[in-house]
């Protein structure tokens, strides 16, 4: 899967979403649709799987992975250290201090690009700046990092270096080279996040993350 293809598909899909977004009267948008579309076309919101893998392996304290899938999918599989903020809850006030801050770099992800991009678009239009999207989501993560295809016989040295990095990163993150995909691991690999217990009149804690 090529980076340019991923960005092009995302730009078309988000262009349609931007046109359909209703006017927000309770929390006014700070980025207008034209500016939003320009940013989407430039793919400025994306962080590559290689960059994210390196940050995870290096235990970079400046990032926070945010899984925007539903709680069931998150319970079945998630990236190391990720917390769960489902897309439908992304604008809830209890998450604002996580999503609207300038200390950590938030990296949103879902199975593909679409839902994470929707979340990013909503946050960006509210003026939240420190949020990004894992390019290609978990599907591309498994293709690029956990099960990278070997380089051909006649490839540039940088492609070989990229493959070697992906293999090393995948091994460090638990890949056994068995060719599993995001869909197949959804029922076979678990991270066993602690269930969230909520109490009345208190903000609910975000599930997952590091203790």
N, C-alpha and C. Protein backbone atom coordinates (compact mmCIF):
# COMPACT_ATOMS: atom_id res chain seq x y z
N UNK A 1 0.85 -1.19 0.00
CA UNK A 1 0.00 0.00 0.00
C UNK A 1 0.89 1.24 0.00
N UNK A 2 0.69 2.09 -0.99
CA UNK A 2 1.54 3.25 -1.15
C UNK A 2 1.00 4.44 -0.36
N UNK A 3 1.91 5.25 0.14
CA UNK A 3 1.54 6.41 0.94
C UNK A 3 0.65 7.36 0.16
N UNK A 4 0.99 7.61 -1.11
CA UNK A 4 0.21 8.54 -1.93
C UNK A 4 -1.22 8.05 -2.11
N UNK A 5 -1.40 6.74 -2.28
CA UNK A 5 -2.74 6.18 -2.44
C UNK A 5 -3.56 6.38 -1.17
N UNK A 6 -2.93 6.12 -0.02
CA UNK A 6 -3.62 6.28 1.25
C UNK A 6 -4.09 7.72 1.44
N UNK A 7 -3.21 8.67 1.17
CA UNK A 7 -3.55 10.08 1.34
C UNK A 7 -4.64 10.50 0.36
N UNK A 8 -4.59 10.02 -0.88
CA UNK A 8 -5.59 10.38 -1.89
C UNK A 8 -6.97 9.88 -1.49
N UNK A 9 -7.04 8.62 -1.04
CA UNK A 9 -8.32 8.06 -0.61
C UNK A 9 -8.88 8.84 0.57
N UNK A 10 -8.01 9.16 1.52
CA UNK A 10 -8.44 9.91 2.70
C UNK A 10 -8.94 11.29 2.32
N UNK A 11 -8.26 11.94 1.38
CA UNK A 11 -8.65 13.29 0.98
C UNK A 11 -10.04 13.31 0.36
N UNK A 12 -10.32 12.33 -0.51
CA UNK A 12 -11.63 12.26 -1.15
C UNK A 12 -12.71 12.00 -0.12
N UNK A 13 -12.47 11.03 0.76
CA UNK A 13 -13.47 10.67 1.78
C UNK A 13 -13.73 11.82 2.73
N UNK A 14 -12.68 12.47 3.18
CA UNK A 14 -12.85 13.57 4.13
C UNK A 14 -13.44 14.81 3.47
N UNK A 15 -13.20 14.97 2.17
CA UNK A 15 -13.81 16.08 1.46
C UNK A 15 -15.33 15.97 1.50
N UNK A 16 -15.83 14.75 1.35
CA UNK A 16 -17.27 14.52 1.44
C UNK A 16 -17.78 14.77 2.86
N UNK A 17 -17.00 14.35 3.84
CA UNK A 17 -17.39 14.55 5.23
C UNK A 17 -17.45 16.02 5.59
N UNK A 18 -16.45 16.77 5.14
CA UNK A 18 -16.40 18.20 5.45
C UNK A 18 -17.63 18.91 4.91
N UNK A 19 -18.05 18.54 3.71
CA UNK A 19 -19.22 19.17 3.10
C UNK A 19 -20.49 18.86 3.87
N UNK A 20 -20.51 17.71 4.56
CA UNK A 20 -21.72 17.29 5.25
C UNK A 20 -21.78 17.70 6.71
N UNK A 21 -20.70 18.26 7.24
CA UNK A 21 -20.67 18.62 8.66
C UNK A 21 -21.64 19.77 8.93
N UNK A 22 -22.58 19.59 9.86
CA UNK A 22 -23.53 20.66 10.18
C UNK A 22 -22.86 21.78 10.96
N UNK A 23 -23.49 22.93 10.96
CA UNK A 23 -22.94 24.05 11.71
C UNK A 23 -22.99 23.75 13.20
N UNK A 24 -21.90 24.04 13.88
CA UNK A 24 -21.80 23.79 15.32
C UNK A 24 -22.10 25.09 16.05
N UNK A 25 -23.17 25.11 16.82
CA UNK A 25 -23.56 26.34 17.51
C UNK A 25 -23.15 26.34 18.97
N UNK A 26 -22.86 25.17 19.54
CA UNK A 26 -22.49 25.10 20.95
C UNK A 26 -20.98 25.20 21.15
N UNK A 27 -20.20 24.65 20.23
CA UNK A 27 -18.74 24.72 20.31
C UNK A 27 -18.24 25.14 18.93
N UNK A 28 -18.25 26.42 18.63
CA UNK A 28 -17.95 26.91 17.28
C UNK A 28 -16.61 26.40 16.74
N UNK A 29 -16.62 26.03 15.46
CA UNK A 29 -15.40 25.57 14.81
C UNK A 29 -14.44 26.74 14.60
N UNK A 30 -13.15 26.48 14.78
CA UNK A 30 -12.13 27.51 14.62
C UNK A 30 -11.38 27.39 13.31
N UNK A 31 -11.60 26.29 12.58
CA UNK A 31 -10.97 26.09 11.27
C UNK A 31 -12.09 25.96 10.25
N UNK A 32 -12.09 26.82 9.23
CA UNK A 32 -13.18 26.79 8.26
C UNK A 32 -13.00 25.62 7.28
N UNK A 33 -14.06 25.22 6.56
CA UNK A 33 -14.00 24.07 5.67
C UNK A 33 -12.91 24.16 4.60
N UNK A 34 -12.67 25.34 4.04
CA UNK A 34 -11.64 25.48 3.01
C UNK A 34 -10.25 25.18 3.56
N UNK A 35 -9.96 25.73 4.72
CA UNK A 35 -8.66 25.46 5.35
C UNK A 35 -8.54 23.98 5.72
N UNK A 36 -9.65 23.41 6.19
CA UNK A 36 -9.68 22.00 6.56
C UNK A 36 -9.36 21.13 5.36
N UNK A 37 -9.97 21.43 4.23
CA UNK A 37 -9.77 20.65 3.02
C UNK A 37 -8.33 20.76 2.53
N UNK A 38 -7.74 21.94 2.65
CA UNK A 38 -6.34 22.13 2.26
C UNK A 38 -5.42 21.25 3.11
N UNK A 39 -5.68 21.20 4.40
CA UNK A 39 -4.86 20.38 5.29
C UNK A 39 -5.04 18.90 4.97
N UNK A 40 -6.27 18.49 4.69
CA UNK A 40 -6.55 17.09 4.37
C UNK A 40 -5.82 16.67 3.11
N UNK A 41 -5.88 17.51 2.08
CA UNK A 41 -5.21 17.19 0.81
C UNK A 41 -3.70 17.07 0.99
N UNK A 42 -3.15 17.85 1.91
CA UNK A 42 -1.71 17.80 2.15
C UNK A 42 -1.27 16.62 2.99
N UNK A 43 -2.23 15.93 3.59
CA UNK A 43 -1.90 14.77 4.42
C UNK A 43 -1.09 15.12 5.64
N UNK A 44 -1.25 16.35 6.14
CA UNK A 44 -0.44 16.81 7.26
C UNK A 44 -0.76 16.10 8.57
N UNK A 45 -1.90 15.41 8.60
CA UNK A 45 -2.30 14.75 9.84
C UNK A 45 -1.68 13.38 10.03
N UNK A 46 -1.05 12.84 8.98
CA UNK A 46 -0.57 11.46 9.04
C UNK A 46 0.81 11.31 9.66
N UNK A 47 0.97 10.23 10.44
CA UNK A 47 2.28 9.78 10.91
C UNK A 47 2.44 8.34 10.42
N UNK A 48 3.57 8.03 9.82
CA UNK A 48 3.77 6.72 9.21
C UNK A 48 3.89 5.62 10.25
N UNK A 49 3.56 4.38 9.88
CA UNK A 49 3.73 3.25 10.80
C UNK A 49 5.16 3.10 11.28
N UNK A 50 6.13 3.39 10.41
CA UNK A 50 7.54 3.27 10.81
C UNK A 50 7.88 4.24 11.93
N UNK A 51 7.39 5.48 11.81
CA UNK A 51 7.64 6.47 12.86
C UNK A 51 7.01 6.06 14.18
N UNK A 52 5.76 5.58 14.10
CA UNK A 52 5.06 5.17 15.31
C UNK A 52 5.74 3.96 15.94
N UNK A 53 6.13 2.99 15.11
CA UNK A 53 6.81 1.80 15.63
C UNK A 53 8.09 2.17 16.36
N UNK A 54 8.85 3.09 15.77
CA UNK A 54 10.10 3.51 16.39
C UNK A 54 9.83 4.18 17.74
N UNK A 55 8.80 5.02 17.80
CA UNK A 55 8.49 5.70 19.06
C UNK A 55 8.03 4.72 20.13
N UNK A 56 7.28 3.68 19.72
CA UNK A 56 6.83 2.68 20.68
C UNK A 56 8.02 1.87 21.20
N UNK A 57 8.88 1.42 20.28
CA UNK A 57 10.04 0.63 20.67
C UNK A 57 10.96 1.43 21.59
N UNK A 58 11.12 2.72 21.29
CA UNK A 58 11.98 3.59 22.10
C UNK A 58 11.30 4.06 23.39
N UNK A 59 10.03 3.66 23.56
CA UNK A 59 9.25 4.07 24.74
C UNK A 59 9.23 5.59 24.89
N UNK A 60 8.97 6.25 23.78
CA UNK A 60 8.92 7.71 23.74
C UNK A 60 7.80 8.22 24.65
N UNK A 61 8.12 8.97 25.69
CA UNK A 61 7.09 9.44 26.63
C UNK A 61 6.26 10.60 26.09
N UNK A 62 6.63 11.12 24.93
CA UNK A 62 5.94 12.31 24.41
C UNK A 62 4.72 11.96 23.56
N UNK A 63 4.44 10.66 23.34
CA UNK A 63 3.30 10.29 22.51
C UNK A 63 2.22 9.60 23.34
N UNK A 64 0.98 9.72 22.87
CA UNK A 64 -0.14 8.99 23.44
C UNK A 64 -0.94 8.39 22.30
N UNK A 65 -0.99 7.07 22.22
CA UNK A 65 -1.78 6.39 21.21
C UNK A 65 -3.23 6.35 21.66
N UNK A 66 -4.15 6.71 20.75
CA UNK A 66 -5.57 6.75 21.09
C UNK A 66 -6.35 5.91 20.08
N UNK A 67 -6.95 4.84 20.55
CA UNK A 67 -7.75 3.92 19.74
C UNK A 67 -9.18 4.45 19.71
N UNK A 68 -9.68 4.79 18.51
CA UNK A 68 -11.02 5.36 18.41
C UNK A 68 -12.07 4.32 18.02
N UNK A 69 -11.70 3.05 18.05
CA UNK A 69 -12.67 1.99 17.78
C UNK A 69 -13.55 1.79 19.02
N UNK A 70 -14.53 0.88 18.90
CA UNK A 70 -15.40 0.66 20.05
C UNK A 70 -14.68 -0.16 21.12
N UNK A 71 -15.28 -0.21 22.30
CA UNK A 71 -14.63 -0.85 23.45
C UNK A 71 -14.37 -2.34 23.22
N UNK A 72 -15.27 -3.02 22.51
CA UNK A 72 -15.07 -4.45 22.25
C UNK A 72 -13.85 -4.70 21.38
N UNK A 73 -13.70 -3.92 20.32
CA UNK A 73 -12.54 -4.07 19.45
C UNK A 73 -11.25 -3.74 20.19
N UNK A 74 -11.31 -2.70 21.01
CA UNK A 74 -10.14 -2.32 21.79
C UNK A 74 -9.74 -3.42 22.75
N UNK A 75 -10.72 -4.08 23.36
CA UNK A 75 -10.44 -5.15 24.32
C UNK A 75 -9.80 -6.36 23.64
N UNK A 76 -10.11 -6.57 22.37
CA UNK A 76 -9.57 -7.72 21.64
C UNK A 76 -8.14 -7.48 21.18
N UNK A 77 -7.84 -6.26 20.77
CA UNK A 77 -6.47 -5.95 20.33
C UNK A 77 -6.26 -4.45 20.32
N UNK A 78 -5.11 -4.02 20.77
CA UNK A 78 -4.75 -2.59 20.70
C UNK A 78 -3.24 -2.47 20.65
N UNK A 79 -2.75 -1.33 20.24
CA UNK A 79 -1.31 -1.08 20.22
C UNK A 79 -0.80 -0.85 21.64
N UNK A 80 0.47 -1.15 21.89
CA UNK A 80 1.03 -1.00 23.24
C UNK A 80 0.86 0.41 23.80
N UNK A 81 0.31 0.50 25.01
CA UNK A 81 0.16 1.78 25.68
C UNK A 81 -1.02 2.61 25.24
N UNK A 82 -1.85 2.08 24.32
CA UNK A 82 -2.98 2.87 23.81
C UNK A 82 -4.09 2.99 24.84
N UNK A 83 -4.83 4.09 24.75
CA UNK A 83 -6.06 4.27 25.52
C UNK A 83 -7.22 4.27 24.55
N UNK A 84 -8.42 4.05 25.05
CA UNK A 84 -9.59 3.94 24.20
C UNK A 84 -10.52 5.13 24.39
N UNK A 85 -10.69 5.92 23.32
CA UNK A 85 -11.70 6.97 23.29
C UNK A 85 -12.51 6.74 22.01
N UNK A 86 -13.64 6.04 22.09
CA UNK A 86 -14.42 5.72 20.89
C UNK A 86 -14.82 6.98 20.12
N UNK A 87 -14.91 6.85 18.82
CA UNK A 87 -15.23 7.99 17.96
C UNK A 87 -16.49 8.71 18.41
N UNK A 88 -17.52 7.95 18.78
CA UNK A 88 -18.78 8.59 19.16
C UNK A 88 -18.67 9.38 20.45
N UNK A 89 -17.58 9.19 21.20
CA UNK A 89 -17.39 9.92 22.46
C UNK A 89 -16.28 10.96 22.38
N UNK A 90 -15.74 11.17 21.18
CA UNK A 90 -14.53 11.97 21.03
C UNK A 90 -14.72 13.42 21.50
N UNK A 91 -15.94 13.94 21.45
CA UNK A 91 -16.18 15.33 21.86
C UNK A 91 -16.72 15.45 23.28
N UNK A 92 -16.78 14.35 24.01
CA UNK A 92 -17.22 14.42 25.40
C UNK A 92 -16.24 15.26 26.22
N UNK A 93 -16.77 16.05 27.11
CA UNK A 93 -15.94 16.99 27.87
C UNK A 93 -14.89 16.31 28.73
N UNK A 94 -15.16 15.07 29.18
CA UNK A 94 -14.18 14.41 30.05
C UNK A 94 -12.88 14.07 29.34
N UNK A 95 -12.88 14.11 28.01
CA UNK A 95 -11.67 13.81 27.26
C UNK A 95 -10.92 15.05 26.78
N UNK A 96 -11.48 16.22 27.05
CA UNK A 96 -10.90 17.45 26.50
C UNK A 96 -9.47 17.68 26.98
N UNK A 97 -9.18 17.38 28.24
CA UNK A 97 -7.84 17.63 28.76
C UNK A 97 -6.80 16.70 28.13
N UNK A 98 -7.25 15.58 27.57
CA UNK A 98 -6.34 14.68 26.86
C UNK A 98 -6.13 15.15 25.43
N UNK A 99 -7.20 15.59 24.79
CA UNK A 99 -7.17 15.90 23.37
C UNK A 99 -6.79 17.34 23.07
N UNK A 100 -6.98 18.24 24.02
CA UNK A 100 -6.67 19.65 23.81
C UNK A 100 -5.56 20.08 24.76
N UNK A 101 -4.33 19.71 24.43
CA UNK A 101 -3.17 20.03 25.27
C UNK A 101 -1.93 20.09 24.38
N UNK A 102 -0.84 20.61 24.93
CA UNK A 102 0.37 20.77 24.12
C UNK A 102 1.57 20.07 24.75
N UNK A 103 1.30 19.04 25.55
CA UNK A 103 2.39 18.31 26.19
C UNK A 103 2.73 17.04 25.42
N UNK A 104 1.70 16.25 25.10
CA UNK A 104 1.92 15.00 24.38
C UNK A 104 1.38 15.09 22.96
N UNK A 105 1.97 14.29 22.07
CA UNK A 105 1.48 14.16 20.71
C UNK A 105 0.51 12.99 20.67
N UNK A 106 -0.76 13.27 20.41
CA UNK A 106 -1.76 12.21 20.31
C UNK A 106 -1.75 11.61 18.92
N UNK A 107 -1.75 10.28 18.85
CA UNK A 107 -1.81 9.58 17.57
C UNK A 107 -3.07 8.73 17.56
N UNK A 108 -4.05 9.15 16.76
CA UNK A 108 -5.33 8.47 16.66
C UNK A 108 -5.22 7.32 15.67
N UNK A 109 -5.91 6.21 15.97
CA UNK A 109 -5.93 5.12 14.99
C UNK A 109 -7.23 4.32 15.10
N UNK A 110 -7.58 3.67 13.99
CA UNK A 110 -8.70 2.74 13.93
C UNK A 110 -8.26 1.59 13.03
N UNK A 111 -9.18 0.79 12.52
CA UNK A 111 -8.77 -0.31 11.65
C UNK A 111 -8.19 0.20 10.33
N UNK A 112 -8.82 1.22 9.77
CA UNK A 112 -8.31 1.85 8.56
C UNK A 112 -8.10 3.33 8.83
N UNK A 113 -8.23 4.14 7.78
CA UNK A 113 -8.04 5.58 7.93
C UNK A 113 -9.30 6.32 8.38
N UNK A 114 -10.46 5.82 7.98
CA UNK A 114 -11.67 6.64 7.98
C UNK A 114 -12.06 7.16 9.36
N UNK A 115 -12.25 6.29 10.32
CA UNK A 115 -12.75 6.73 11.62
C UNK A 115 -11.74 7.60 12.36
N UNK A 116 -10.47 7.26 12.27
CA UNK A 116 -9.45 8.09 12.91
C UNK A 116 -9.40 9.47 12.26
N UNK A 117 -9.58 9.52 10.95
CA UNK A 117 -9.60 10.80 10.25
C UNK A 117 -10.83 11.62 10.63
N UNK A 118 -11.96 10.96 10.82
CA UNK A 118 -13.15 11.68 11.27
C UNK A 118 -12.89 12.33 12.63
N UNK A 119 -12.29 11.55 13.53
CA UNK A 119 -11.98 12.08 14.86
C UNK A 119 -11.01 13.26 14.76
N UNK A 120 -9.97 13.09 13.95
CA UNK A 120 -8.98 14.16 13.78
C UNK A 120 -9.63 15.41 13.22
N UNK A 121 -10.52 15.24 12.23
CA UNK A 121 -11.17 16.39 11.60
C UNK A 121 -12.02 17.17 12.61
N UNK A 122 -12.77 16.45 13.43
CA UNK A 122 -13.59 17.13 14.44
C UNK A 122 -12.72 17.90 15.43
N UNK A 123 -11.65 17.27 15.87
CA UNK A 123 -10.75 17.92 16.83
C UNK A 123 -10.04 19.11 16.21
N UNK A 124 -9.62 18.96 14.97
CA UNK A 124 -8.91 20.04 14.28
C UNK A 124 -9.82 21.24 14.07
N UNK A 125 -11.07 20.99 13.73
CA UNK A 125 -12.00 22.09 13.51
C UNK A 125 -12.30 22.85 14.80
N UNK A 126 -12.11 22.20 15.92
CA UNK A 126 -12.28 22.88 17.21
C UNK A 126 -11.03 23.63 17.62
N UNK A 127 -9.97 23.51 16.80
CA UNK A 127 -8.74 24.22 17.09
C UNK A 127 -7.72 23.41 17.87
N UNK A 128 -8.00 22.12 18.11
CA UNK A 128 -7.05 21.27 18.81
C UNK A 128 -5.93 20.91 17.83
N UNK A 129 -4.69 21.17 18.20
CA UNK A 129 -3.59 21.08 17.23
C UNK A 129 -2.68 19.86 17.39
N UNK A 130 -2.66 19.24 18.54
CA UNK A 130 -1.63 18.25 18.81
C UNK A 130 -2.12 16.82 18.59
N UNK A 131 -2.92 16.63 17.55
CA UNK A 131 -3.49 15.33 17.24
C UNK A 131 -3.13 14.92 15.81
N UNK A 132 -2.79 13.64 15.66
CA UNK A 132 -2.38 13.12 14.35
C UNK A 132 -3.04 11.76 14.13
N UNK A 133 -2.82 11.19 12.94
CA UNK A 133 -3.46 9.92 12.57
C UNK A 133 -2.40 8.92 12.13
N UNK A 134 -2.50 7.69 12.65
CA UNK A 134 -1.64 6.61 12.18
C UNK A 134 -2.04 6.27 10.75
N UNK A 135 -1.14 6.49 9.81
CA UNK A 135 -1.44 6.28 8.40
C UNK A 135 -1.85 4.83 8.11
N UNK A 136 -3.04 4.67 7.54
CA UNK A 136 -3.51 3.34 7.16
C UNK A 136 -4.12 2.53 8.28
N UNK A 137 -4.04 3.02 9.51
CA UNK A 137 -4.63 2.32 10.64
C UNK A 137 -3.98 0.97 10.92
N UNK A 138 -4.71 0.13 11.66
CA UNK A 138 -4.17 -1.17 12.04
C UNK A 138 -3.97 -2.08 10.84
N UNK A 139 -4.81 -1.94 9.81
CA UNK A 139 -4.65 -2.78 8.63
C UNK A 139 -3.29 -2.56 7.98
N UNK A 140 -2.90 -1.31 7.81
CA UNK A 140 -1.59 -1.01 7.21
C UNK A 140 -0.47 -1.29 8.21
N UNK A 141 -0.75 -1.13 9.49
CA UNK A 141 0.24 -1.44 10.52
C UNK A 141 0.70 -2.89 10.41
N UNK A 142 -0.27 -3.80 10.25
CA UNK A 142 0.10 -5.21 10.13
C UNK A 142 0.82 -5.49 8.82
N UNK A 143 0.42 -4.79 7.77
CA UNK A 143 1.07 -4.98 6.47
C UNK A 143 2.50 -4.45 6.48
N UNK A 144 2.69 -3.28 7.09
CA UNK A 144 3.99 -2.62 7.01
C UNK A 144 4.95 -3.03 8.12
N UNK A 145 4.43 -3.26 9.33
CA UNK A 145 5.30 -3.49 10.48
C UNK A 145 5.30 -4.94 10.94
N UNK A 146 4.14 -5.51 11.15
CA UNK A 146 4.08 -6.85 11.72
C UNK A 146 4.36 -7.94 10.69
N UNK A 147 4.00 -7.71 9.43
CA UNK A 147 4.22 -8.71 8.38
C UNK A 147 4.73 -8.05 7.09
N UNK A 148 5.86 -7.38 7.13
CA UNK A 148 6.35 -6.67 5.93
C UNK A 148 6.76 -7.63 4.82
N UNK A 149 6.43 -7.24 3.59
CA UNK A 149 6.84 -8.05 2.44
C UNK A 149 8.33 -7.87 2.19
N UNK A 150 9.00 -8.95 1.83
CA UNK A 150 10.44 -8.88 1.58
C UNK A 150 10.75 -8.07 0.34
N UNK A 151 11.90 -7.41 0.30
CA UNK A 151 12.29 -6.63 -0.88
C UNK A 151 12.62 -7.53 -2.05
N UNK A 152 12.42 -7.03 -3.27
CA UNK A 152 12.77 -7.81 -4.45
C UNK A 152 14.27 -7.86 -4.66
N UNK A 153 14.67 -8.51 -5.73
CA UNK A 153 16.10 -8.66 -6.01
C UNK A 153 16.75 -7.37 -6.48
N UNK A 154 15.97 -6.53 -7.18
CA UNK A 154 16.55 -5.31 -7.73
C UNK A 154 15.88 -4.09 -7.10
N UNK A 155 16.24 -3.80 -5.87
CA UNK A 155 15.67 -2.65 -5.19
C UNK A 155 16.78 -1.78 -4.64
N UNK A 156 16.44 -0.52 -4.39
CA UNK A 156 17.43 0.41 -3.86
C UNK A 156 17.79 0.03 -2.43
N UNK A 157 18.97 0.44 -2.03
CA UNK A 157 19.46 0.10 -0.69
C UNK A 157 18.55 0.65 0.40
N UNK A 158 17.92 1.82 0.14
CA UNK A 158 17.04 2.39 1.15
C UNK A 158 15.80 1.52 1.38
N UNK A 159 15.34 0.83 0.32
CA UNK A 159 14.20 -0.07 0.47
C UNK A 159 14.58 -1.28 1.32
N UNK A 160 15.80 -1.77 1.13
CA UNK A 160 16.28 -2.89 1.95
C UNK A 160 16.40 -2.45 3.40
N UNK A 161 16.91 -1.24 3.61
CA UNK A 161 17.04 -0.71 4.96
C UNK A 161 15.67 -0.56 5.62
N UNK A 162 14.67 -0.10 4.83
CA UNK A 162 13.32 0.06 5.37
C UNK A 162 12.74 -1.30 5.77
N UNK A 163 12.98 -2.30 4.91
CA UNK A 163 12.48 -3.64 5.22
C UNK A 163 13.13 -4.18 6.49
N UNK A 164 14.44 -4.01 6.60
CA UNK A 164 15.15 -4.50 7.79
C UNK A 164 14.64 -3.81 9.06
N UNK A 165 14.36 -2.50 8.94
CA UNK A 165 13.82 -1.78 10.10
C UNK A 165 12.45 -2.33 10.47
N UNK A 166 11.59 -2.53 9.45
CA UNK A 166 10.25 -3.02 9.72
C UNK A 166 10.28 -4.39 10.39
N UNK A 167 11.17 -5.27 9.90
CA UNK A 167 11.29 -6.60 10.50
C UNK A 167 11.74 -6.50 11.95
N UNK A 168 12.73 -5.65 12.20
CA UNK A 168 13.24 -5.50 13.56
C UNK A 168 12.18 -4.91 14.49
N UNK A 169 11.46 -3.89 13.98
CA UNK A 169 10.41 -3.27 14.79
C UNK A 169 9.29 -4.26 15.06
N UNK A 170 8.90 -5.01 14.03
CA UNK A 170 7.84 -6.00 14.19
C UNK A 170 8.21 -7.05 15.23
N UNK A 171 9.46 -7.51 15.19
CA UNK A 171 9.92 -8.50 16.16
C UNK A 171 9.88 -7.93 17.57
N UNK A 172 10.30 -6.67 17.71
CA UNK A 172 10.30 -6.03 19.02
C UNK A 172 8.89 -5.84 19.56
N UNK A 173 7.92 -5.74 18.63
CA UNK A 173 6.53 -5.53 19.04
C UNK A 173 5.72 -6.82 19.07
N UNK A 174 6.41 -7.96 18.93
CA UNK A 174 5.73 -9.24 19.12
C UNK A 174 5.35 -10.00 17.88
N UNK A 175 5.79 -9.56 16.69
CA UNK A 175 5.45 -10.29 15.48
C UNK A 175 6.23 -11.59 15.40
N UNK A 176 5.54 -12.66 14.96
CA UNK A 176 6.23 -13.94 14.77
C UNK A 176 6.35 -14.30 13.30
N UNK A 177 5.98 -13.31 12.42
CA UNK A 177 6.10 -13.54 10.98
C UNK A 177 5.11 -14.53 10.43
N UNK A 178 3.99 -14.74 11.12
CA UNK A 178 3.03 -15.75 10.69
C UNK A 178 2.04 -15.25 9.66
N UNK A 179 2.15 -13.97 9.27
CA UNK A 179 1.28 -13.44 8.23
C UNK A 179 -0.10 -13.06 8.70
N UNK A 180 -0.26 -12.79 9.98
CA UNK A 180 -1.56 -12.40 10.51
C UNK A 180 -1.91 -10.99 10.08
N UNK A 181 -3.20 -10.73 9.97
CA UNK A 181 -3.67 -9.39 9.63
C UNK A 181 -4.39 -8.80 10.82
N UNK A 182 -4.79 -7.55 10.70
CA UNK A 182 -5.52 -6.90 11.79
C UNK A 182 -6.82 -7.62 12.07
N UNK A 183 -7.51 -8.07 11.00
CA UNK A 183 -8.78 -8.75 11.18
C UNK A 183 -8.60 -10.10 11.88
N UNK A 184 -7.56 -10.86 11.47
CA UNK A 184 -7.38 -12.18 12.04
C UNK A 184 -6.92 -12.12 13.48
N UNK A 185 -6.16 -11.09 13.84
CA UNK A 185 -5.69 -10.99 15.22
C UNK A 185 -6.76 -10.45 16.14
N UNK A 186 -7.80 -9.90 15.57
CA UNK A 186 -8.84 -9.31 16.41
C UNK A 186 -9.45 -10.32 17.38
N UNK A 187 -9.40 -11.61 17.00
CA UNK A 187 -9.97 -12.62 17.87
C UNK A 187 -8.93 -13.54 18.47
N UNK A 188 -7.65 -13.33 18.15
CA UNK A 188 -6.63 -14.24 18.64
C UNK A 188 -5.58 -13.56 19.50
N UNK A 189 -5.44 -12.25 19.40
CA UNK A 189 -4.44 -11.54 20.19
C UNK A 189 -5.16 -10.61 21.15
N UNK A 190 -4.82 -10.66 22.41
CA UNK A 190 -5.49 -9.79 23.38
C UNK A 190 -4.49 -9.02 24.20
N UNK A 191 -4.89 -7.83 24.60
CA UNK A 191 -4.05 -7.03 25.47
C UNK A 191 -4.65 -6.92 26.87
N UNK A 192 -5.85 -7.48 27.04
CA UNK A 192 -6.51 -7.54 28.34
C UNK A 192 -6.53 -6.22 29.10
N UNK A 193 -7.09 -5.15 28.50
CA UNK A 193 -7.17 -3.89 29.23
C UNK A 193 -8.12 -4.01 30.42
N UNK A 194 -7.88 -3.24 31.45
CA UNK A 194 -8.72 -3.29 32.64
C UNK A 194 -10.07 -2.67 32.34
N UNK A 195 -11.18 -3.36 32.66
CA UNK A 195 -12.51 -2.79 32.39
C UNK A 195 -12.68 -1.47 33.12
N UNK A 196 -13.43 -0.56 32.49
CA UNK A 196 -13.68 0.75 33.09
C UNK A 196 -14.88 0.67 34.00
N UNK A 197 -14.70 1.12 35.24
CA UNK A 197 -15.81 1.20 36.19
C UNK A 197 -16.17 2.66 36.37
N UNK A 198 -17.43 2.97 36.17
CA UNK A 198 -17.86 4.37 36.27
C UNK A 198 -18.68 4.58 37.54
N UNK A 199 -18.63 5.79 38.07
CA UNK A 199 -19.41 6.16 39.23
C UNK A 199 -20.19 7.42 38.90
N UNK A 200 -21.32 7.59 39.52
CA UNK A 200 -22.14 8.76 39.27
C UNK A 200 -21.41 10.02 39.71
N UNK A 201 -21.62 11.09 38.92
CA UNK A 201 -21.07 12.41 39.22
C UNK A 201 -19.55 12.45 39.21
N UNK A 202 -18.92 11.46 38.59
CA UNK A 202 -17.46 11.50 38.44
C UNK A 202 -17.12 11.23 36.99
N UNK A 203 -16.03 11.85 36.54
CA UNK A 203 -15.60 11.61 35.17
C UNK A 203 -15.11 10.18 35.06
N UNK A 204 -15.46 9.50 33.96
CA UNK A 204 -14.98 8.14 33.80
C UNK A 204 -13.55 8.15 33.30
N UNK A 205 -12.70 7.26 33.83
CA UNK A 205 -11.31 7.20 33.38
C UNK A 205 -11.23 6.60 32.00
N UNK A 206 -10.21 6.95 31.25
CA UNK A 206 -9.99 6.39 29.93
C UNK A 206 -9.43 5.00 30.09
N UNK A 207 -9.99 4.01 29.36
CA UNK A 207 -9.49 2.65 29.48
C UNK A 207 -8.18 2.49 28.75
N UNK A 208 -7.36 1.57 29.22
CA UNK A 208 -6.08 1.31 28.58
C UNK A 208 -5.01 2.23 29.09
N UNK A 209 -3.94 2.37 28.32
CA UNK A 209 -2.85 3.26 28.69
C UNK A 209 -1.89 2.60 29.64
N UNK A 210 -0.88 3.35 30.02
CA UNK A 210 0.14 2.83 30.91
C UNK A 210 -0.14 3.28 32.33
N UNK A 211 0.14 2.42 33.29
CA UNK A 211 -0.07 2.77 34.69
C UNK A 211 1.11 3.52 35.24
